Amino acid sequence: MIQRIQSLYLLITIISSVVLFFYAQDTEETSFVVEYFLLLITPVLSAVVLFLFKKRMLQVRLCAILLFFQLSLIGFYGYSYALNTQLTLTYPVVLGSIVHLIFLWMARRSTLKDEALVRSVDRIR
C-alpha cells in the first residue's frame, strides 16, 4: 500500500489536512461549525481512498470528488472574499486547499498510470 507513489501523495494530503483541522480548532477566533466539518471531510475521505488501493478506478473517482470538493471550498472562500465578508481562517484554508489540490491531482494521475500499466500487462497475457 505505501510502496505506491499515490499512497504517499494521499498520506501527505491526510497529514496536512489534519494539521489544518487542528490549527482551525486551536484558533481563538469564533467560526461557524460548518467550516470545521468541511475541513474534516478531506482527511476522512483521503484515508478511505488510501485504503482502497486494490480498487484503482474507485480511487480515481473518489480523488475526482475530493478535487471537486477542494475547488468548491476555494470557490466558497473566494466568493465570501469578493463580498467583503470576513471569514476566519481564510488564508490558511485557501493555501491548504491549494496544496491538497496539487497532491490529489498527482495521486489521481499516478493511479491512472498504474491502471494503464495493469491493463497493458493484462493485454500481453
Protein backbone atom coordinates (compact mmCIF):
# COMPACT_ATOMS: atom_id res chain seq x y z
CA MET A 1 0.00 0.00 0.00
CA ILE A 2 2.60 2.60 0.99
CA GLN A 3 5.08 1.50 -1.70
CA ARG A 4 2.95 3.16 -4.37
CA ILE A 5 3.61 6.84 -5.05
CA GLN A 6 -0.07 7.80 -4.98
CA SER A 7 -0.28 6.42 -1.46
CA LEU A 8 2.45 8.82 -0.43
CA TYR A 9 0.61 11.71 -2.07
CA LEU A 10 -2.59 10.75 -0.25
CA LEU A 11 -0.69 10.38 3.03
CA ILE A 12 0.72 13.89 2.63
CA THR A 13 -2.80 15.16 1.94
CA ILE A 14 -4.13 13.44 5.07
CA ILE A 15 -1.38 14.78 7.29
CA SER A 16 -1.64 18.35 6.00
CA SER A 17 -5.44 18.39 6.26
CA VAL A 18 -5.35 17.05 9.83
CA VAL A 19 -2.80 19.73 10.75
CA LEU A 20 -5.06 22.35 9.16
CA PHE A 21 -8.08 21.00 11.05
CA PHE A 22 -6.28 21.14 14.41
CA TYR A 23 -4.95 24.59 13.58
CA ALA A 24 -8.55 25.67 12.98
CA GLN A 25 -9.57 24.17 16.32
CA ASP A 26 -6.80 26.00 18.19
CA THR A 27 -7.53 29.49 16.89
CA GLU A 28 -9.17 31.89 19.28
CA GLU A 29 -11.39 33.41 16.63
CA THR A 30 -15.02 32.39 16.53
CA SER A 31 -16.03 30.46 13.48
CA PHE A 32 -19.10 28.57 12.42
CA VAL A 33 -19.18 24.82 12.94
CA VAL A 34 -19.84 24.05 9.28
CA GLU A 35 -16.33 25.18 8.43
CA TYR A 36 -14.81 22.66 10.81
CA PHE A 37 -16.86 19.82 9.40
CA LEU A 38 -15.89 20.83 5.90
CA LEU A 39 -12.27 20.70 6.95
CA LEU A 40 -12.81 17.22 8.38
CA ILE A 41 -14.19 15.75 5.14
CA THR A 42 -10.83 15.88 3.35
CA PRO A 43 -8.74 13.72 5.72
CA VAL A 44 -11.51 11.18 6.21
CA LEU A 45 -12.22 10.72 2.51
CA SER A 46 -8.49 10.73 1.70
CA ALA A 47 -7.97 7.93 4.23
CA VAL A 48 -10.77 5.97 2.57
CA VAL A 49 -9.12 6.49 -0.81
CA LEU A 50 -5.77 5.41 0.64
CA PHE A 51 -7.15 2.10 1.89
CA LEU A 52 -8.93 1.32 -1.39
CA PHE A 53 -5.60 0.53 -3.05
CA LYS A 54 -6.92 -2.63 -4.72
CA LYS A 55 -9.78 -0.78 -6.43
CA ARG A 56 -7.92 1.70 -8.60
CA MET A 57 -10.85 3.04 -10.60
CA LEU A 58 -12.82 3.74 -7.42
CA GLN A 59 -9.72 5.52 -6.14
CA VAL A 60 -9.70 7.68 -9.26
CA ARG A 61 -13.37 8.59 -8.85
CA LEU A 62 -13.00 9.45 -5.17
CA CYS A 63 -9.93 11.56 -5.94
CA ALA A 64 -12.01 13.44 -8.51
CA ILE A 65 -14.71 14.02 -5.87
CA LEU A 66 -12.07 15.30 -3.45
CA LEU A 67 -10.67 17.58 -6.15
CA PHE A 68 -14.14 18.99 -6.77
CA PHE A 69 -14.64 19.48 -3.04
CA GLN A 70 -11.35 21.36 -2.69
CA LEU A 71 -12.22 23.55 -5.68
CA SER A 72 -15.63 24.32 -4.19
CA LEU A 73 -14.03 25.19 -0.84
CA ILE A 74 -11.66 27.61 -2.59
CA GLY A 75 -14.62 29.00 -4.54
CA PHE A 76 -16.61 29.49 -1.33
CA TYR A 77 -13.79 31.44 0.25
CA GLY A 78 -13.22 33.42 -2.95
CA TYR A 79 -16.92 34.29 -3.13
CA SER A 80 -17.03 35.38 0.50
CA TYR A 81 -13.87 37.43 -0.04
CA ALA A 82 -15.48 39.13 -3.04
CA LEU A 83 -18.47 40.07 -0.88
CA ASN A 84 -16.09 41.52 1.76
CA THR A 85 -17.30 39.01 4.32
CA GLN A 86 -14.52 38.35 6.78
CA LEU A 87 -14.34 34.65 7.46
CA THR A 88 -11.90 33.26 9.95
CA LEU A 89 -9.00 31.17 8.71
CA THR A 90 -9.32 32.37 5.13
CA TYR A 91 -5.69 32.31 4.11
CA PRO A 92 -4.60 29.05 5.79
CA VAL A 93 -7.63 27.21 4.42
CA VAL A 94 -7.13 28.50 0.88
CA LEU A 95 -3.40 27.73 0.92
CA GLY A 96 -4.08 24.30 2.42
CA SER A 97 -6.72 23.63 -0.22
CA ILE A 98 -4.29 24.55 -2.98
CA VAL A 99 -1.72 22.14 -1.53
CA HIS A 100 -4.41 19.45 -1.28
CA LEU A 101 -5.44 20.10 -4.89
CA ILE A 102 -1.89 19.59 -6.09
CA PHE A 103 -1.33 16.36 -4.17
CA LEU A 104 -4.76 14.93 -5.00
CA TRP A 105 -4.22 15.66 -8.69
CA MET A 106 -0.83 13.93 -8.57
CA ALA A 107 -2.36 10.95 -6.73
CA ARG A 108 -5.15 10.68 -9.30
CA ARG A 109 -2.68 10.88 -12.17
CA SER A 110 -0.44 8.21 -10.61
CA THR A 111 -3.41 5.93 -10.04
CA LEU A 112 -4.42 6.28 -13.68
CA LYS A 113 -0.87 5.40 -14.72
CA ASP A 114 -0.98 2.28 -12.52
CA GLU A 115 -4.29 1.26 -14.05
CA ALA A 116 -2.91 1.73 -17.56
CA LEU A 117 0.13 -0.38 -16.65
CA VAL A 118 -2.05 -3.18 -15.25
CA ARG A 119 -4.26 -3.14 -18.34
CA SER A 120 -1.25 -3.26 -20.65
CA VAL A 121 0.15 -6.27 -18.79
CA ASP A 122 -3.24 -8.00 -18.97
CA ARG A 123 -3.29 -7.37 -22.72
CA ILE A 124 0.09 -9.05 -23.15
CA ARG A 125 -1.00 -12.26 -21.40
